[in-house]
Amino acid sequence: MEAAWKRSAATITIPTLILWSKNDMRVTVEVGEALERALKEAGRPVQMKVYPSFDTDGHTLFSNAKGFPIYVPDAVSFLDAQLNR
């Protein structure tokens, strides 16, 4: 996955927000950090936020209603900034 993201970093042109939870049991935070680095090295606009551990698998933070109050404000803020609201 990391290699694919690094390759795609050169073609991504839109601002990118990377959200991660420390205890993601499916994909390590280092993969997200590698993507962030690759995007920065390619001169792309990118922001990354790593949240504290969530439940038993942080990967579910973004698909569990209990996680919405945690990450949605950051996602909305990012979108508002990108849309110049």
N, C-alpha and C. Protein backbone atom coordinates (compact mmCIF):
# COMPACT_ATOMS: atom_id res chain seq x y z
N MET A 1 0.83 -1.18 0.00
CA MET A 1 0.00 0.00 0.00
C MET A 1 0.88 1.25 0.00
N GLU A 2 1.92 1.24 0.81
CA GLU A 2 2.79 2.41 0.90
C GLU A 2 3.42 2.75 -0.45
N ALA A 3 3.87 1.74 -1.18
CA ALA A 3 4.49 1.99 -2.49
C ALA A 3 3.48 2.61 -3.46
N ALA A 4 2.25 2.14 -3.42
CA ALA A 4 1.21 2.69 -4.31
C ALA A 4 0.94 4.14 -3.96
N TRP A 5 0.89 4.46 -2.69
CA TRP A 5 0.64 5.84 -2.28
C TRP A 5 1.79 6.75 -2.69
N LYS A 6 3.00 6.26 -2.54
CA LYS A 6 4.16 7.07 -2.93
C LYS A 6 4.12 7.37 -4.42
N ARG A 7 3.75 6.39 -5.23
CA ARG A 7 3.65 6.60 -6.69
C ARG A 7 2.55 7.60 -7.01
N SER A 8 1.44 7.49 -6.31
CA SER A 8 0.31 8.36 -6.62
C SER A 8 0.52 9.79 -6.11
N ALA A 9 1.42 9.99 -5.18
CA ALA A 9 1.65 11.33 -4.61
C ALA A 9 2.02 12.33 -5.69
N ALA A 10 2.70 11.89 -6.72
CA ALA A 10 3.10 12.80 -7.80
C ALA A 10 1.92 13.23 -8.65
N THR A 11 0.83 12.48 -8.64
CA THR A 11 -0.32 12.81 -9.48
C THR A 11 -1.46 13.47 -8.71
N ILE A 12 -1.41 13.42 -7.40
CA ILE A 12 -2.45 14.05 -6.58
C ILE A 12 -2.22 15.55 -6.60
N THR A 13 -3.21 16.31 -7.01
CA THR A 13 -3.03 17.76 -7.08
C THR A 13 -3.96 18.53 -6.14
N ILE A 14 -4.95 17.88 -5.60
CA ILE A 14 -5.88 18.57 -4.71
C ILE A 14 -5.36 18.52 -3.27
N PRO A 15 -5.75 19.48 -2.45
CA PRO A 15 -5.36 19.43 -1.04
C PRO A 15 -5.85 18.12 -0.41
N THR A 16 -5.00 17.52 0.39
CA THR A 16 -5.28 16.21 0.96
C THR A 16 -5.24 16.28 2.47
N LEU A 17 -6.24 15.72 3.10
CA LEU A 17 -6.29 15.60 4.55
C LEU A 17 -6.18 14.12 4.90
N ILE A 18 -5.17 13.79 5.68
CA ILE A 18 -4.95 12.41 6.11
C ILE A 18 -5.33 12.33 7.58
N LEU A 19 -6.28 11.48 7.90
CA LEU A 19 -6.72 11.29 9.28
C LEU A 19 -6.39 9.87 9.70
N TRP A 20 -5.85 9.73 10.90
CA TRP A 20 -5.41 8.41 11.38
C TRP A 20 -5.68 8.30 12.87
N SER A 21 -5.82 7.09 13.34
CA SER A 21 -5.90 6.82 14.77
C SER A 21 -4.68 6.00 15.18
N LYS A 22 -4.13 6.32 16.33
CA LYS A 22 -2.90 5.65 16.78
C LYS A 22 -3.00 4.15 16.84
N ASN A 23 -4.18 3.64 17.14
CA ASN A 23 -4.30 2.19 17.27
C ASN A 23 -5.01 1.55 16.08
N ASP A 24 -4.80 2.10 14.90
CA ASP A 24 -5.35 1.48 13.68
C ASP A 24 -4.71 0.10 13.56
N MET A 25 -5.51 -0.93 13.61
CA MET A 25 -4.99 -2.30 13.60
C MET A 25 -4.84 -2.86 12.19
N ARG A 26 -5.23 -2.09 11.18
CA ARG A 26 -5.15 -2.57 9.80
C ARG A 26 -4.01 -1.93 9.02
N VAL A 27 -3.80 -0.64 9.25
CA VAL A 27 -2.75 0.09 8.55
C VAL A 27 -2.02 0.96 9.58
N THR A 28 -0.72 0.81 9.67
CA THR A 28 0.02 1.56 10.69
C THR A 28 0.11 3.03 10.36
N VAL A 29 0.27 3.84 11.38
CA VAL A 29 0.36 5.28 11.20
C VAL A 29 1.58 5.65 10.35
N GLU A 30 2.59 4.81 10.36
CA GLU A 30 3.78 5.08 9.55
C GLU A 30 3.46 5.11 8.06
N VAL A 31 2.46 4.35 7.64
CA VAL A 31 2.03 4.37 6.23
C VAL A 31 1.46 5.75 5.90
N GLY A 32 0.63 6.28 6.79
CA GLY A 32 0.08 7.62 6.58
C GLY A 32 1.17 8.68 6.60
N GLU A 33 2.13 8.52 7.51
CA GLU A 33 3.24 9.47 7.57
C GLU A 33 4.08 9.42 6.30
N ALA A 34 4.24 8.24 5.73
CA ALA A 34 4.99 8.09 4.48
C ALA A 34 4.24 8.80 3.34
N LEU A 35 2.92 8.67 3.31
CA LEU A 35 2.12 9.36 2.30
C LEU A 35 2.25 10.87 2.48
N GLU A 36 2.15 11.31 3.71
CA GLU A 36 2.29 12.75 3.97
C GLU A 36 3.65 13.25 3.48
N ARG A 37 4.72 12.53 3.79
CA ARG A 37 6.06 12.92 3.34
C ARG A 37 6.15 12.95 1.82
N ALA A 38 5.60 11.93 1.17
CA ALA A 38 5.65 11.85 -0.29
C ALA A 38 4.90 13.02 -0.92
N LEU A 39 3.75 13.36 -0.36
CA LEU A 39 2.99 14.49 -0.89
C LEU A 39 3.74 15.80 -0.69
N LYS A 40 4.33 15.98 0.48
CA LYS A 40 5.11 17.19 0.74
C LYS A 40 6.31 17.28 -0.21
N GLU A 41 6.99 16.16 -0.39
CA GLU A 41 8.14 16.14 -1.29
C GLU A 41 7.74 16.45 -2.73
N ALA A 42 6.51 16.09 -3.10
CA ALA A 42 5.99 16.38 -4.44
C ALA A 42 5.43 17.80 -4.52
N GLY A 43 5.51 18.54 -3.41
CA GLY A 43 5.01 19.91 -3.40
C GLY A 43 3.51 20.02 -3.33
N ARG A 44 2.86 19.00 -2.84
CA ARG A 44 1.40 18.98 -2.77
C ARG A 44 0.92 19.49 -1.41
N PRO A 45 -0.25 20.15 -1.39
CA PRO A 45 -0.81 20.60 -0.12
C PRO A 45 -1.37 19.41 0.66
N VAL A 46 -0.89 19.22 1.87
CA VAL A 46 -1.31 18.07 2.68
C VAL A 46 -1.30 18.45 4.16
N GLN A 47 -2.26 17.90 4.87
CA GLN A 47 -2.31 18.00 6.33
C GLN A 47 -2.58 16.60 6.86
N MET A 48 -1.97 16.30 7.99
CA MET A 48 -2.23 15.00 8.62
C MET A 48 -2.54 15.22 10.09
N LYS A 49 -3.51 14.50 10.57
CA LYS A 49 -3.88 14.54 11.99
C LYS A 49 -3.97 13.11 12.48
N VAL A 50 -3.27 12.85 13.59
CA VAL A 50 -3.31 11.52 14.21
C VAL A 50 -4.07 11.66 15.53
N TYR A 51 -5.13 10.89 15.65
CA TYR A 51 -5.97 10.92 16.83
C TYR A 51 -5.49 9.89 17.85
N PRO A 52 -5.85 10.09 19.11
CA PRO A 52 -5.53 9.07 20.12
C PRO A 52 -6.20 7.74 19.78
N SER A 53 -5.80 6.72 20.47
CA SER A 53 -6.41 5.39 20.25
C SER A 53 -7.92 5.48 20.40
N PHE A 54 -8.61 4.71 19.57
CA PHE A 54 -10.06 4.69 19.57
C PHE A 54 -10.55 3.26 19.68
N ASP A 55 -11.35 2.99 20.69
CA ASP A 55 -11.95 1.68 20.89
C ASP A 55 -10.87 0.59 20.79
N THR A 56 -11.18 -0.56 20.26
CA THR A 56 -10.19 -1.63 20.17
C THR A 56 -9.44 -1.62 18.84
N ASP A 57 -9.93 -0.86 17.87
CA ASP A 57 -9.27 -0.74 16.57
C ASP A 57 -9.55 0.66 16.03
N GLY A 58 -8.54 1.49 16.05
CA GLY A 58 -8.70 2.87 15.61
C GLY A 58 -9.17 3.03 14.18
N HIS A 59 -9.05 1.99 13.39
CA HIS A 59 -9.52 2.06 12.00
C HIS A 59 -11.03 2.33 11.96
N THR A 60 -11.73 1.89 13.00
CA THR A 60 -13.19 2.07 13.04
C THR A 60 -13.60 3.47 13.47
N LEU A 61 -12.66 4.30 13.86
CA LEU A 61 -12.98 5.67 14.24
C LEU A 61 -13.80 6.36 13.17
N PHE A 62 -13.48 6.09 11.92
CA PHE A 62 -14.08 6.81 10.81
C PHE A 62 -15.34 6.15 10.24
N SER A 63 -15.74 5.03 10.83
CA SER A 63 -16.96 4.37 10.38
C SER A 63 -17.92 4.08 11.54
N ASN A 64 -17.61 4.60 12.69
CA ASN A 64 -18.40 4.37 13.89
C ASN A 64 -19.00 5.70 14.33
N ALA A 65 -20.27 5.73 14.59
CA ALA A 65 -20.93 6.98 14.98
C ALA A 65 -20.28 7.62 16.20
N LYS A 66 -19.71 6.81 17.09
CA LYS A 66 -19.02 7.37 18.27
C LYS A 66 -17.78 8.16 17.85
N GLY A 67 -17.25 7.89 16.68
CA GLY A 67 -16.06 8.59 16.22
C GLY A 67 -16.37 9.91 15.53
N PHE A 68 -17.59 10.09 15.06
CA PHE A 68 -17.92 11.29 14.30
C PHE A 68 -17.59 12.58 15.05
N PRO A 69 -17.95 12.72 16.33
CA PRO A 69 -17.64 13.97 17.03
C PRO A 69 -16.12 14.20 17.18
N ILE A 70 -15.35 13.17 17.01
CA ILE A 70 -13.91 13.29 17.16
C ILE A 70 -13.27 13.86 15.90
N TYR A 71 -13.60 13.30 14.74
CA TYR A 71 -12.90 13.72 13.53
C TYR A 71 -13.68 14.65 12.60
N VAL A 72 -15.01 14.64 12.68
CA VAL A 72 -15.80 15.45 11.75
C VAL A 72 -15.49 16.94 11.88
N PRO A 73 -15.33 17.50 13.07
CA PRO A 73 -14.98 18.93 13.14
C PRO A 73 -13.68 19.27 12.39
N ASP A 74 -12.70 18.40 12.47
CA ASP A 74 -11.44 18.63 11.76
C ASP A 74 -11.64 18.53 10.25
N ALA A 75 -12.43 17.57 9.82
CA ALA A 75 -12.69 17.40 8.38
C ALA A 75 -13.45 18.61 7.84
N VAL A 76 -14.45 19.07 8.58
CA VAL A 76 -15.23 20.22 8.14
C VAL A 76 -14.36 21.48 8.11
N SER A 77 -13.53 21.65 9.12
CA SER A 77 -12.62 22.80 9.16
C SER A 77 -11.68 22.79 7.96
N PHE A 78 -11.14 21.62 7.63
CA PHE A 78 -10.26 21.49 6.48
C PHE A 78 -10.99 21.86 5.20
N LEU A 79 -12.20 21.32 5.03
CA LEU A 79 -12.98 21.63 3.84
C LEU A 79 -13.35 23.11 3.76
N ASP A 80 -13.75 23.67 4.88
CA ASP A 80 -14.07 25.11 4.90
C ASP A 80 -12.87 25.94 4.47
N ALA A 81 -11.69 25.61 4.98
CA ALA A 81 -10.47 26.33 4.62
C ALA A 81 -10.16 26.19 3.14
N GLN A 82 -10.35 25.00 2.61
CA GLN A 82 -10.05 24.76 1.20
C GLN A 82 -11.06 25.44 0.28
N LEU A 83 -12.28 25.58 0.76
CA LEU A 83 -13.33 26.22 -0.03
C LEU A 83 -13.42 27.73 0.25
N ASN A 84 -12.48 28.21 1.07
CA ASN A 84 -12.39 29.63 1.41
C ASN A 84 -13.68 30.18 2.01
N ARG A 85 -14.26 29.42 2.91
CA ARG A 85 -15.49 29.89 3.56
C ARG A 85 -15.15 30.75 4.75
